[in-house]
Amino acid sequence: MKVALELCNFLFTTSCLVLISGLQLHSMPYDHFATLECLKEPRRAQYGGGIIVNPDFDHNTKGWSVYGNGTIKVRTSNDGNNFIVASNRTQSLDSFSQKVQLKKGMMYTVSGWFQLSKGSDIVAAVFKINGSELVRGGYVIANQGCWSFLKGGIVANFSSSVEIFFESDNPTAELWADSVSLKPFTIEQWRSHQDKNIERVRKSKVRFQVTHLNETALEGATVVITQTKPNFPFGCAMNSHILTNIEYQKWFVARFKYTTFTNEMKWYSTEKIQGQENYTIPDAMMKFAKENGICVRGHSIFWDDMKFQPQWVKSLPPNELREAAAKRMNSVVSRYNGQLIAWDVMNENIHYHFYEDKIGVNASAEYYSSAYHLDPKATMFVNEYNTIEYSGETIASPVNYIRKLQEIQQFPGTAGMPLAIGLQGHFGRGVPNLAYMRSGLDLLGATGLPIWLTETSVEDQPNQAQYLEDILRESYSHPAVQGIIMFQGPAQAGFVYTLLADANFKNTPSGDVVDKLINEWGTGPKTAIADSRGIVDISLHHGDYDVTVTHPLIQHSKKLKISVRKGFSPDTMNVKMHT
């Protein structure tokens, strides 16, 4: 058997309307507004400002104080809009602040519109907690001459008063702000929003009407609906143990149709000694995937971290490195051309820049262009960590991620290239900051590019299973996320970070969560009974289904196949039963 790439690849289509600053803006409506646009005048504060006092500065500086050095005042634009200004700044943290009361267990979204009096710089929302600890909760690139939208969030692990203020590393410029909001949500409210989004984005309503041939209703007819192919890719990484462990094979095939090889395609695995390439293991894994109808993401062509180069690559002079890299590119991409749904072209090249330092600043963009022309049907991913996991991340923050996307899209030879956003999703200890995670997905989703969580895992801890479920639900409910791959698995495959099954292939609590979500998101059979009109109304996750209709008074069953997609027609499906 062979997996048809076209059947896997349709999931990467995107819908875009306009182009701004080299990036496509999203056409899908979002419940929580995010934009990459820079506006002449800011919009009103989200949620009326939430718990922020005087969010639109209609009452001068009421509720606001100077943070650090300098002065604050309210100005009025030519259109009559009031905004606050921090002047005479000497340090990056000099700005305006407000004290707010946070409540333990609540989630808070922070937003606002920002501008600088000159130049361009990243502005961060900062929370001062415990009197001295600074926690960053959101970022935006602010510019001179227009207003840019900051969005972020924080989860309160404590109940206390905190101070919110804003940071810009350009203290020579005035910092302007307007429409500042800090909105609290309970866990129940957050989950309700997730569920509503899933109904809106991932599901469609379907109606069956079961009748006799004479069109009289068949009350009590049983309709069994079984998903045969999900529309949303929810998969798991696999490693070389899959080739020799029959139980691992059974465990995997019973659950997943999408995968990424953890290390087997990487350069340090396929060419440990210069000139001695060996693809035996990834070839065998590809064969196994094809035989079992599993779609594969290519991971990865290059890894931009110095530590993870083949040992012999690290000391190559620039001209020899360029030659070796070109050979590697052609070798691995040509070998698997047409067999993969995607490539992680340059792994972690926002954090790291080994190839840029050695070969030139355009090295990563050049490799995206090369990979695209060698394998034009595969989607090319930027793959990074900490972009949504950790609000304190500055290097690979959502705004810097977007800068990297711009560099790639503006490079000659990438026109028409299917580009996507890969967020690794390795979450550490503690409660995941879902408010910040959502804000990052909103901002990245505004580019119009598809987003995948590519290596999702949660560090071992007492509440690991619950945190994993929270993260997976947040991802699945977001309209810009088009796939999830987890980097975890059973103990017999050597996974230790997030175990889904123990040495006897018995589910761990995290494994129970994964199986529950697989079933909930469509795989498990659903049974419904027709009412007195012979009607069954049901909401189904997008995917392909086998439907079997039976009735206790009718000997023969009726079988049909349906395909439920976004925009699925709500017309009634008439099922006529033969007596």
Protein backbone atom coordinates (compact mmCIF):
# COMPACT_ATOMS: atom_id res chain seq x y z
CA MET A 1 0.00 0.00 0.00
CA LYS A 2 1.03 3.61 -0.54
CA VAL A 3 -0.30 6.74 1.09
CA ALA A 4 -1.44 9.19 -1.59
CA LEU A 5 0.18 12.53 -0.75
CA GLU A 6 -2.83 14.39 -2.13
CA LEU A 7 -5.06 12.81 0.54
CA CYS A 8 -2.78 14.08 3.30
CA ASN A 9 -1.92 17.43 1.76
CA PHE A 10 -5.40 18.93 1.39
CA LEU A 11 -5.33 19.83 5.06
CA PHE A 12 -2.73 22.54 4.46
CA THR A 13 -4.90 24.81 2.30
CA THR A 14 -5.25 28.37 3.57
CA SER A 15 -7.68 31.19 2.97
CA CYS A 16 -6.15 34.66 2.62
CA LEU A 17 -7.46 38.03 1.52
CA VAL A 18 -4.86 40.79 1.52
CA LEU A 19 -1.13 41.27 1.91
CA ILE A 20 0.35 43.64 4.46
CA SER A 21 4.07 43.93 5.21
CA GLY A 22 4.74 40.74 3.27
CA LEU A 23 2.32 38.63 5.32
CA GLN A 24 -1.17 37.49 4.44
CA LEU A 25 -3.93 38.61 6.78
CA HIS A 26 -6.42 36.06 7.97
CA SER A 27 -9.98 36.06 6.62
CA MET A 28 -11.46 33.93 9.43
CA PRO A 29 -13.38 35.71 12.20
CA TYR A 30 -11.87 35.41 15.67
CA ASP A 31 -13.79 35.73 18.92
CA HIS A 32 -10.78 37.44 20.44
CA PHE A 33 -9.54 40.15 18.11
CA ALA A 34 -5.93 40.14 16.90
CA THR A 35 -4.40 42.04 14.04
CA LEU A 36 -1.06 42.75 12.42
CA GLU A 37 -2.35 46.02 11.01
CA CYS A 38 -1.02 49.38 12.15
CA LEU A 39 -3.97 51.79 12.43
CA LYS A 40 -4.28 55.54 12.29
CA GLU A 41 -6.50 55.51 15.38
CA PRO A 42 -6.79 52.72 17.98
CA ARG A 43 -9.99 50.79 18.60
CA ARG A 44 -11.86 50.89 21.88
CA ALA A 45 -10.63 48.76 24.78
CA GLN A 46 -11.56 45.08 24.67
CA TYR A 47 -14.25 44.07 27.18
CA GLY A 48 -14.62 47.74 28.13
CA GLY A 49 -11.18 47.53 29.71
CA GLY A 50 -12.07 44.70 32.11
CA ILE A 51 -10.71 45.55 35.54
CA ILE A 52 -8.53 48.43 34.28
CA VAL A 53 -9.55 51.84 35.59
CA ASN A 54 -9.85 54.54 32.92
CA PRO A 55 -8.78 52.23 30.04
CA ASP A 56 -9.41 54.78 27.28
CA PHE A 57 -7.95 57.77 29.20
CA ASP A 58 -11.19 59.73 29.01
CA HIS A 59 -10.56 60.87 32.60
CA ASN A 60 -7.01 62.16 32.20
CA THR A 61 -4.51 59.98 34.13
CA LYS A 62 -7.00 58.74 36.75
CA GLY A 63 -5.91 55.27 37.96
CA TRP A 64 -2.47 55.53 36.33
CA SER A 65 0.93 56.34 37.85
CA VAL A 66 4.50 56.82 36.67
CA TYR A 67 6.54 53.63 36.69
CA GLY A 68 10.26 54.23 37.04
CA ASN A 69 11.46 57.61 35.85
CA GLY A 70 10.01 60.24 33.56
CA THR A 71 6.57 61.78 33.34
CA ILE A 72 3.13 60.78 32.12
CA LYS A 73 0.36 62.86 30.60
CA VAL A 74 -2.70 62.48 28.41
CA ARG A 75 -2.77 63.93 24.91
CA THR A 76 -5.58 64.28 22.41
CA SER A 77 -5.23 63.40 18.74
CA ASN A 78 -6.56 65.54 15.90
CA ASP A 79 -9.57 63.21 15.80
CA GLY A 80 -10.32 63.84 19.46
CA ASN A 81 -8.96 60.57 20.84
CA ASN A 82 -7.24 60.63 24.24
CA PHE A 83 -4.13 58.52 24.91
CA ILE A 84 -1.41 58.35 27.56
CA VAL A 85 2.22 59.27 26.95
CA ALA A 86 5.35 58.36 28.92
CA SER A 87 8.01 61.05 28.32
CA ASN A 88 11.55 61.78 29.52
CA ARG A 89 12.29 58.07 29.77
CA THR A 90 15.83 56.89 30.59
CA GLN A 91 15.29 53.14 31.11
CA SER A 92 13.41 50.46 29.20
CA LEU A 93 10.91 49.98 32.06
CA ASP A 94 10.02 53.68 32.37
CA SER A 95 6.33 53.91 31.55
CA PHE A 96 2.86 54.18 33.13
CA SER A 97 1.39 51.64 35.52
CA GLN A 98 -1.74 50.61 37.34
CA LYS A 99 -2.22 48.36 40.37
CA VAL A 100 -4.78 45.60 39.94
CA GLN A 101 -6.02 42.77 42.12
CA LEU A 102 -5.52 39.26 40.72
CA LYS A 103 -7.44 36.26 42.05
CA LYS A 104 -5.91 32.79 42.27
CA GLY A 105 -7.15 30.38 39.63
CA MET A 106 -8.35 33.08 37.23
CA MET A 107 -7.06 33.65 33.70
CA TYR A 108 -6.44 37.19 32.51
CA THR A 109 -6.14 38.50 28.97
CA VAL A 110 -4.22 41.73 28.57
CA SER A 111 -4.44 43.97 25.50
CA GLY A 112 -3.85 47.52 24.36
CA TRP A 113 -2.79 49.75 21.48
CA PHE A 114 0.75 51.16 21.39
CA GLN A 115 2.83 53.62 19.42
CA LEU A 116 6.30 55.18 19.71
CA SER A 117 7.09 58.82 19.03
CA LYS A 118 9.98 57.69 16.83
CA GLY A 119 11.42 54.51 15.42
CA SER A 120 10.19 50.98 15.97
CA ASP A 121 10.59 48.61 18.93
CA ILE A 122 9.02 45.68 20.72
CA VAL A 123 6.74 46.73 23.58
CA ALA A 124 6.00 44.19 26.33
CA ALA A 125 3.26 44.07 28.94
CA VAL A 126 4.89 43.41 32.34
CA PHE A 127 3.37 42.29 35.64
CA LYS A 128 5.24 43.09 38.85
CA ILE A 129 4.35 40.45 41.43
CA ASN A 130 5.53 39.75 44.97
CA GLY A 131 6.92 43.27 45.09
CA SER A 132 9.85 42.59 42.77
CA GLU A 133 9.35 39.67 40.36
CA LEU A 134 8.70 40.79 36.77
CA VAL A 135 6.55 38.54 34.56
CA ARG A 136 6.14 39.46 30.91
CA GLY A 137 2.74 38.65 29.47
CA GLY A 138 2.51 39.90 25.87
CA TYR A 139 4.35 41.67 23.05
CA VAL A 140 3.82 43.91 20.04
CA ILE A 141 6.06 45.73 17.57
CA ALA A 142 5.17 49.41 18.06
CA ASN A 143 6.02 51.98 15.39
CA GLN A 144 6.03 55.69 14.85
CA GLY A 145 2.95 57.07 13.12
CA CYS A 146 0.38 54.32 13.74
CA TRP A 147 -1.14 52.18 16.48
CA SER A 148 -0.30 48.49 16.92
CA PHE A 149 -2.27 45.95 18.97
CA LEU A 150 -0.68 44.10 21.90
CA LYS A 151 -2.33 40.97 23.21
CA GLY A 152 -1.18 38.59 25.91
CA GLY A 153 -2.20 36.94 29.12
CA ILE A 154 -1.35 35.64 32.57
CA VAL A 155 -2.69 32.86 34.81
CA ALA A 156 -2.87 33.81 38.48
CA ASN A 157 -1.32 31.23 40.78
CA PHE A 158 -1.89 33.57 43.73
CA SER A 159 -4.32 36.17 45.03
CA SER A 160 -2.68 39.56 45.52
CA SER A 161 -2.24 43.04 44.20
CA VAL A 162 0.11 43.35 41.22
CA GLU A 163 1.33 46.24 39.13
CA ILE A 164 0.96 46.21 35.37
CA PHE A 165 3.21 48.42 33.23
CA PHE A 166 4.93 48.36 29.84
CA GLU A 167 8.47 47.98 28.56
CA SER A 168 10.31 49.34 25.53
CA ASP A 169 14.05 49.03 24.95
CA ASN A 170 14.04 52.37 23.13
CA PRO A 171 14.01 54.86 26.05
CA THR A 172 14.79 57.79 23.75
CA ALA A 173 11.26 57.52 22.33
CA GLU A 174 8.03 58.45 24.03
CA LEU A 175 5.79 55.46 24.71
CA TRP A 176 2.12 55.98 23.85
CA ALA A 177 -0.80 53.73 24.83
CA ASP A 178 -4.55 53.59 24.53
CA SER A 179 -7.46 51.20 25.07
CA VAL A 180 -5.73 49.08 27.71
CA SER A 181 -7.64 46.06 28.99
CA LEU A 182 -7.16 43.34 31.60
CA LYS A 183 -10.08 40.92 31.57
CA PRO A 184 -10.49 38.04 34.08
CA PHE A 185 -12.03 34.69 33.17
CA THR A 186 -12.88 31.72 35.33
CA ILE A 187 -11.74 28.24 34.28
CA GLU A 188 -15.38 27.44 33.51
CA GLN A 189 -15.73 30.49 31.25
CA TRP A 190 -12.51 29.58 29.47
CA ARG A 191 -13.66 25.99 28.88
CA SER A 192 -17.06 27.22 27.67
CA HIS A 193 -15.33 29.36 25.05
CA GLN A 194 -13.28 26.36 23.93
CA ASP A 195 -16.40 24.22 23.57
CA LYS A 196 -18.25 26.91 21.62
CA ASN A 197 -15.29 27.35 19.29
CA ILE A 198 -15.10 23.59 18.70
CA GLU A 199 -18.79 23.53 17.78
CA ARG A 200 -18.28 26.47 15.43
CA VAL A 201 -14.94 25.55 13.86
CA ARG A 202 -14.56 21.76 14.06
CA LYS A 203 -18.13 20.48 13.77
CA SER A 204 -21.21 20.70 11.56
CA LYS A 205 -24.83 19.78 12.21
CA VAL A 206 -26.19 16.77 10.31
CA ARG A 207 -29.81 15.61 10.08
CA PHE A 208 -30.99 12.16 9.06
CA GLN A 209 -34.64 11.30 8.37
CA VAL A 210 -35.41 7.58 8.37
CA THR A 211 -38.60 6.50 6.60
CA HIS A 212 -40.34 3.60 4.89
CA LEU A 213 -40.33 3.67 1.09
CA ASN A 214 -43.76 5.31 1.34
CA GLU A 215 -42.08 8.10 3.36
CA THR A 216 -43.81 7.34 6.66
CA ALA A 217 -41.50 7.95 9.60
CA LEU A 218 -39.60 5.08 11.22
CA GLU A 219 -39.59 6.03 14.88
CA GLY A 220 -36.99 4.16 16.92
CA ALA A 221 -34.58 3.56 14.04
CA THR A 222 -30.98 3.23 15.26
CA VAL A 223 -28.34 5.28 13.48
CA VAL A 224 -24.72 4.26 14.15
CA ILE A 225 -22.10 6.71 12.88
CA THR A 226 -18.42 5.71 12.78
CA GLN A 227 -15.66 8.06 11.68
CA THR A 228 -13.32 6.46 9.13
CA LYS A 229 -11.00 9.46 8.57
CA PRO A 230 -10.69 12.59 10.69
CA ASN A 231 -10.41 15.94 8.99
CA PHE A 232 -8.19 17.29 11.78
CA PRO A 233 -4.72 15.70 12.00
CA PHE A 234 -4.07 14.56 15.56
CA GLY A 235 -0.94 12.45 15.64
CA CYS A 236 2.06 11.29 17.59
CA ALA A 237 5.80 11.07 16.99
CA MET A 238 7.35 7.67 16.41
CA ASN A 239 10.91 6.40 16.63
CA SER A 240 12.92 3.43 15.38
CA HIS A 241 11.51 1.09 18.04
CA ILE A 242 8.42 0.86 15.82
CA LEU A 243 10.41 -1.37 13.43
CA THR A 244 11.03 -4.17 15.94
CA ASN A 245 8.31 -3.85 18.60
CA ILE A 246 5.03 -5.45 17.50
CA GLU A 247 3.14 -4.17 20.54
CA TYR A 248 4.32 -0.62 19.80
CA GLN A 249 3.12 -1.03 16.22
CA LYS A 250 -0.32 -2.18 17.36
CA TRP A 251 -0.55 0.61 19.92
CA PHE A 252 0.34 3.27 17.36
CA VAL A 253 -1.75 2.09 14.41
CA ALA A 254 -4.84 1.77 16.60
CA ARG A 255 -4.70 5.49 17.39
CA PHE A 256 -2.83 7.66 14.91
CA LYS A 257 -2.70 8.47 11.19
CA TYR A 258 -0.16 11.31 11.42
CA THR A 259 3.41 11.23 12.67
CA THR A 260 6.85 12.81 12.78
CA PHE A 261 10.03 10.76 13.19
CA THR A 262 11.78 12.01 16.32
CA ASN A 263 15.43 11.82 15.16
CA GLU A 264 15.75 9.34 12.32
CA MET A 265 15.64 11.82 9.41
CA LYS A 266 17.98 14.36 10.99
CA TRP A 267 21.39 14.92 9.46
CA TYR A 268 23.28 13.57 12.47
CA SER A 269 21.35 10.30 12.02
CA THR A 270 21.70 9.82 8.26
CA GLU A 271 25.34 10.93 7.78
CA LYS A 272 27.31 10.36 10.96
CA ILE A 273 30.51 10.13 8.93
CA GLN A 274 31.05 12.54 6.07
CA GLY A 275 30.20 10.95 2.76
CA GLN A 276 28.66 7.82 4.32
CA GLU A 277 24.90 8.31 4.09
CA ASN A 278 22.61 5.68 5.57
CA TYR A 279 18.83 5.95 5.21
CA THR A 280 18.07 2.35 6.18
CA ILE A 281 16.08 3.23 9.32
CA PRO A 282 14.02 6.18 8.01
CA ASP A 283 13.32 4.23 4.80
CA ALA A 284 11.96 1.33 6.84
CA MET A 285 9.88 3.70 8.97
CA MET A 286 8.46 5.34 5.83
CA LYS A 287 7.54 1.88 4.53
CA PHE A 288 5.74 1.08 7.77
CA ALA A 289 3.89 4.41 7.64
CA LYS A 290 2.75 3.86 4.05
CA GLU A 291 1.58 0.33 4.73
CA ASN A 292 -0.58 1.62 7.58
CA GLY A 293 -1.94 4.78 5.93
CA ILE A 294 0.04 7.13 8.16
CA CYS A 295 0.97 10.62 6.87
CA VAL A 296 4.50 11.77 7.78
CA ARG A 297 5.99 15.21 8.49
CA GLY A 298 9.68 15.48 7.56
CA HIS A 299 11.79 16.43 10.57
CA SER A 300 14.16 18.02 9.85
CA ILE A 301 16.40 19.06 6.96
CA PHE A 302 18.68 21.23 9.12
CA TRP A 303 18.88 22.09 12.80
CA ASP A 304 20.28 25.58 13.38
CA ASP A 305 21.64 24.78 16.84
CA MET A 306 25.45 24.28 16.85
CA LYS A 307 25.11 21.39 19.36
CA PHE A 308 23.05 19.24 17.02
CA GLN A 309 25.19 19.30 13.90
CA PRO A 310 26.94 16.10 12.81
CA GLN A 311 30.30 16.25 14.57
CA TRP A 312 32.20 16.55 11.30
CA VAL A 313 30.05 19.51 10.17
CA LYS A 314 30.90 21.76 13.12
CA SER A 315 34.44 22.58 12.01
CA LEU A 316 33.85 22.93 8.25
CA PRO A 317 34.97 26.25 6.74
CA PRO A 318 32.14 28.29 5.13
CA ASN A 319 32.70 27.15 1.53
CA GLU A 320 32.83 23.47 2.52
CA LEU A 321 29.81 23.85 4.79
CA ARG A 322 27.81 25.39 1.96
CA GLU A 323 28.76 22.50 -0.31
CA ALA A 324 27.96 19.86 2.33
CA ALA A 325 24.64 21.52 3.16
CA ALA A 326 23.65 21.65 -0.51
CA LYS A 327 24.41 17.93 -0.80
CA ARG A 328 22.38 17.20 2.34
CA MET A 329 19.44 19.25 1.06
CA ASN A 330 19.36 17.51 -2.29
CA SER A 331 19.89 14.07 -0.75
CA VAL A 332 17.17 14.00 1.88
CA VAL A 333 14.52 16.10 0.13
CA SER A 334 14.90 14.34 -3.22
CA ARG A 335 14.82 10.95 -1.52
CA TYR A 336 11.44 11.61 0.10
CA ASN A 337 10.04 13.92 -2.58
CA GLY A 338 6.28 13.45 -2.89
CA GLN A 339 6.06 11.18 0.15
CA LEU A 340 5.78 13.74 2.99
CA ILE A 341 3.10 16.24 3.87
CA ALA A 342 5.61 18.75 5.26
CA TRP A 343 9.22 19.60 6.02
CA ASP A 344 10.67 21.29 9.09
CA VAL A 345 13.25 23.02 6.91
CA MET A 346 15.34 24.88 9.51
CA ASN A 347 14.63 23.65 13.00
CA GLU A 348 14.75 26.35 15.72
CA ASN A 349 16.35 29.01 13.55
CA ILE A 350 14.82 31.88 15.49
CA HIS A 351 16.68 30.81 18.60
CA TYR A 352 19.81 29.68 16.77
CA HIS A 353 21.78 30.74 13.68
CA PHE A 354 24.64 28.32 13.04
CA TYR A 355 24.16 28.42 9.26
CA GLU A 356 23.55 32.16 9.15
CA ASP A 357 26.77 32.80 11.09
CA LYS A 358 28.78 30.46 8.86
CA ILE A 359 27.26 31.01 5.42
CA GLY A 360 25.36 34.30 5.51
CA VAL A 361 22.30 36.04 6.90
CA ASN A 362 20.03 34.64 4.17
CA ALA A 363 21.00 31.01 4.73
CA SER A 364 17.66 29.89 6.17
CA ALA A 365 15.61 31.68 3.52
CA GLU A 366 17.79 30.12 0.81
CA TYR A 367 17.15 26.65 2.22
CA TYR A 368 13.39 27.21 2.30
CA SER A 369 13.55 28.15 -1.36
CA SER A 370 15.69 25.11 -2.19
CA ALA A 371 13.42 22.69 -0.32
CA TYR A 372 10.33 24.15 -1.97
CA HIS A 373 11.71 23.68 -5.47
CA LEU A 374 12.83 20.13 -4.71
CA ASP A 375 9.51 19.10 -3.13
CA PRO A 376 6.87 21.68 -4.15
CA LYS A 377 3.85 19.79 -2.80
CA ALA A 378 5.13 19.60 0.77
CA THR A 379 4.35 22.43 3.18
CA MET A 380 7.45 24.17 4.53
CA PHE A 381 7.41 24.81 8.28
CA VAL A 382 9.21 27.21 10.56
CA ASN A 383 9.55 25.11 13.74
CA GLU A 384 10.25 26.75 17.11
CA TYR A 385 9.87 26.33 20.85
CA ASN A 386 8.66 28.64 23.65
CA THR A 387 6.65 30.86 21.30
CA ILE A 388 3.40 29.96 23.05
CA GLU A 389 4.68 27.93 26.01
CA TYR A 390 6.50 30.64 27.96
CA SER A 391 5.44 34.28 28.22
CA GLY A 392 8.95 35.31 29.32
CA GLU A 393 10.40 34.23 25.97
CA THR A 394 11.83 37.19 24.07
CA ILE A 395 13.88 35.56 21.29
CA ALA A 396 11.11 33.46 19.72
CA SER A 397 8.12 35.51 20.88
CA PRO A 398 5.16 35.66 18.47
CA VAL A 399 6.27 39.04 17.11
CA ASN A 400 9.80 37.79 16.40
CA TYR A 401 8.36 34.64 14.88
CA ILE A 402 6.42 36.84 12.47
CA ARG A 403 9.61 38.72 11.60
CA LYS A 404 11.20 35.39 10.62
CA LEU A 405 8.19 34.55 8.44
CA GLN A 406 8.58 37.90 6.71
CA GLU A 407 12.27 37.24 6.00
CA ILE A 408 11.41 33.91 4.37
CA GLN A 409 8.42 35.17 2.38
CA GLN A 410 10.31 38.18 1.03
CA PHE A 411 13.30 36.13 -0.16
CA PRO A 412 13.48 35.54 -3.95
CA GLY A 413 12.41 32.03 -4.89
CA THR A 414 9.80 31.54 -2.17
CA ALA A 415 6.85 33.02 -4.06
CA GLY A 416 4.01 30.54 -4.04
CA MET A 417 5.69 28.35 -1.43
CA PRO A 418 3.21 26.78 1.04
CA LEU A 419 4.57 28.09 4.34
CA ALA A 420 3.28 27.11 7.79
CA ILE A 421 3.85 27.85 11.46
CA GLY A 422 5.23 25.04 13.60
CA LEU A 423 4.98 25.55 17.37
CA GLN A 424 6.71 22.76 19.24
CA GLY A 425 4.60 23.04 22.38
CA HIS A 426 7.00 21.60 24.98
CA PHE A 427 5.37 22.78 28.22
CA GLY A 428 7.37 22.76 31.44
CA ARG A 429 6.31 22.42 35.07
CA GLY A 430 3.40 24.35 36.50
CA VAL A 431 0.01 25.51 35.28
CA PRO A 432 0.15 26.25 31.54
CA ASN A 433 -0.55 29.89 30.72
CA LEU A 434 -3.51 29.27 28.40
CA ALA A 435 -4.27 33.00 28.24
CA TYR A 436 -0.83 33.74 26.80
CA MET A 437 -1.01 30.65 24.59
CA ARG A 438 -4.30 31.83 23.09
CA SER A 439 -2.99 35.34 22.50
CA GLY A 440 0.02 33.92 20.66
CA LEU A 441 -2.18 31.71 18.50
CA ASP A 442 -4.42 34.70 17.76
CA LEU A 443 -1.51 36.86 16.68
CA LEU A 444 0.16 34.15 14.58
CA GLY A 445 -3.21 33.16 13.16
CA ALA A 446 -3.67 36.71 11.88
CA THR A 447 -0.93 35.97 9.31
CA GLY A 448 -3.32 33.62 7.51
CA LEU A 449 -0.78 30.80 7.66
CA PRO A 450 -1.77 27.39 9.04
CA ILE A 451 -0.52 26.57 12.54
CA TRP A 452 0.46 23.14 13.84
CA LEU A 453 1.61 22.16 17.29
CA THR A 454 4.44 19.93 16.16
CA GLU A 455 6.02 18.34 19.26
CA THR A 456 3.50 18.71 22.07
CA SER A 457 4.53 17.42 25.48
CA VAL A 458 4.16 18.26 29.17
CA GLU A 459 6.92 17.77 31.74
CA ASP A 460 6.36 15.00 34.27
CA GLN A 461 4.52 16.38 37.31
CA PRO A 462 1.52 15.53 39.53
CA ASN A 463 -1.04 17.28 37.29
CA GLN A 464 0.56 16.30 33.98
CA ALA A 465 -2.54 14.62 32.54
CA GLN A 466 -4.81 17.58 33.33
CA TYR A 467 -2.32 20.08 31.92
CA LEU A 468 -1.93 17.99 28.76
CA GLU A 469 -5.70 17.95 28.28
CA ASP A 470 -5.89 21.72 28.82
CA ILE A 471 -3.21 22.35 26.19
CA LEU A 472 -4.70 19.96 23.63
CA ARG A 473 -8.19 21.42 24.06
CA GLU A 474 -6.86 24.96 23.72
CA SER A 475 -5.09 23.99 20.50
CA TYR A 476 -7.99 22.06 19.00
CA SER A 477 -10.46 24.84 19.76
CA HIS A 478 -8.42 27.54 18.04
CA PRO A 479 -9.52 28.19 14.44
CA ALA A 480 -5.99 28.80 13.14
CA VAL A 481 -4.60 25.48 14.40
CA GLN A 482 -4.75 22.85 11.65
CA GLY A 483 -2.92 19.93 13.24
CA ILE A 484 -1.32 18.56 16.42
CA ILE A 485 1.57 16.11 16.69
CA MET A 486 2.62 14.96 20.17
CA PHE A 487 6.23 14.06 21.03
CA GLN A 488 5.39 11.33 23.50
CA GLY A 489 4.55 7.66 23.52
CA PRO A 490 4.91 4.32 25.31
CA ALA A 491 7.69 3.36 27.71
CA GLN A 492 8.86 0.49 25.50
CA ALA A 493 9.73 3.05 22.79
CA GLY A 494 12.01 4.90 25.21
CA PHE A 495 9.74 7.89 25.87
CA VAL A 496 10.20 9.31 29.36
CA TYR A 497 9.13 12.98 29.21
CA THR A 498 5.41 12.40 28.68
CA LEU A 499 4.49 8.72 28.91
CA LEU A 500 1.23 7.60 27.33
CA ALA A 501 1.63 3.90 28.19
CA ASP A 502 3.74 1.96 30.67
CA ALA A 503 6.04 -0.99 29.98
CA ASN A 504 3.00 -3.29 29.67
CA PHE A 505 1.21 -0.86 27.32
CA LYS A 506 -1.28 0.04 30.01
CA ASN A 507 -2.42 3.63 29.70
CA THR A 508 -0.96 6.26 31.99
CA PRO A 509 -3.33 9.07 33.06
CA SER A 510 -1.94 11.11 30.14
CA GLY A 511 -2.64 8.17 27.84
CA ASP A 512 -6.22 8.11 29.11
CA VAL A 513 -6.53 11.79 28.20
CA VAL A 514 -5.29 11.17 24.66
CA ASP A 515 -7.65 8.22 24.12
CA LYS A 516 -10.55 10.23 25.53
CA LEU A 517 -9.90 13.11 23.13
CA ILE A 518 -9.43 10.78 20.14
CA ASN A 519 -12.85 9.34 20.93
CA GLU A 520 -14.45 12.71 21.68
CA TRP A 521 -13.12 14.34 18.53
CA GLY A 522 -14.78 11.83 16.27
CA THR A 523 -13.18 8.41 16.10
CA GLY A 524 -15.49 6.57 18.47
CA PRO A 525 -18.85 5.30 17.09
CA LYS A 526 -21.90 7.42 17.90
CA THR A 527 -25.38 5.95 18.25
CA ALA A 528 -28.65 7.88 18.01
CA ILE A 529 -32.33 6.90 17.96
CA ALA A 530 -34.80 8.47 15.53
CA ASP A 531 -37.69 10.44 17.09
CA SER A 532 -41.39 10.18 16.19
CA ARG A 533 -40.68 11.97 12.90
CA GLY A 534 -37.91 9.51 12.07
CA ILE A 535 -35.37 12.32 12.55
CA VAL A 536 -31.90 12.21 14.08
CA ASP A 537 -30.11 15.53 14.61
CA ILE A 538 -26.44 15.27 15.49
CA SER A 539 -23.35 17.49 15.47
CA LEU A 540 -20.33 15.72 13.97
CA HIS A 541 -16.65 16.57 13.94
CA HIS A 542 -15.40 17.13 10.42
CA GLY A 543 -14.31 13.92 8.74
CA ASP A 544 -15.48 10.91 6.73
CA TYR A 545 -18.06 8.54 8.21
CA ASP A 546 -19.70 5.18 7.69
CA VAL A 547 -23.37 5.23 8.68
CA THR A 548 -25.47 2.15 9.44
CA VAL A 549 -29.24 2.43 9.95
CA THR A 550 -31.32 -0.38 11.47
CA HIS A 551 -34.85 -0.85 12.80
CA PRO A 552 -36.20 -3.75 14.90
CA LEU A 553 -39.10 -4.31 12.48
CA ILE A 554 -36.94 -4.27 9.33
CA GLN A 555 -34.68 -7.18 8.42
CA HIS A 556 -32.14 -5.35 6.28
CA SER A 557 -29.91 -2.49 7.39
CA LYS A 558 -29.08 0.58 5.32
CA LYS A 559 -25.48 1.68 4.88
CA LEU A 560 -24.12 4.96 3.52
CA LYS A 561 -20.98 7.06 3.55
CA ILE A 562 -20.87 10.78 4.29
CA SER A 563 -18.15 13.41 4.33
CA VAL A 564 -18.63 16.27 6.80
CA ARG A 565 -16.55 19.39 6.18
CA LYS A 566 -16.58 23.06 7.13
CA GLY A 567 -19.51 24.62 5.35
CA PHE A 568 -21.29 21.24 5.21
CA SER A 569 -24.80 21.60 3.79
CA PRO A 570 -27.42 21.22 6.53
CA ASP A 571 -29.92 19.63 4.12
CA THR A 572 -31.71 16.55 5.50
CA MET A 573 -30.29 13.16 4.48
CA ASN A 574 -33.23 10.95 3.64
CA VAL A 575 -32.75 7.27 4.46
CA LYS A 576 -35.47 5.03 3.01
CA MET A 577 -35.67 1.54 4.48
CA HIS A 578 -36.91 -1.56 2.63
CA THR A 579 -39.28 -3.80 4.58
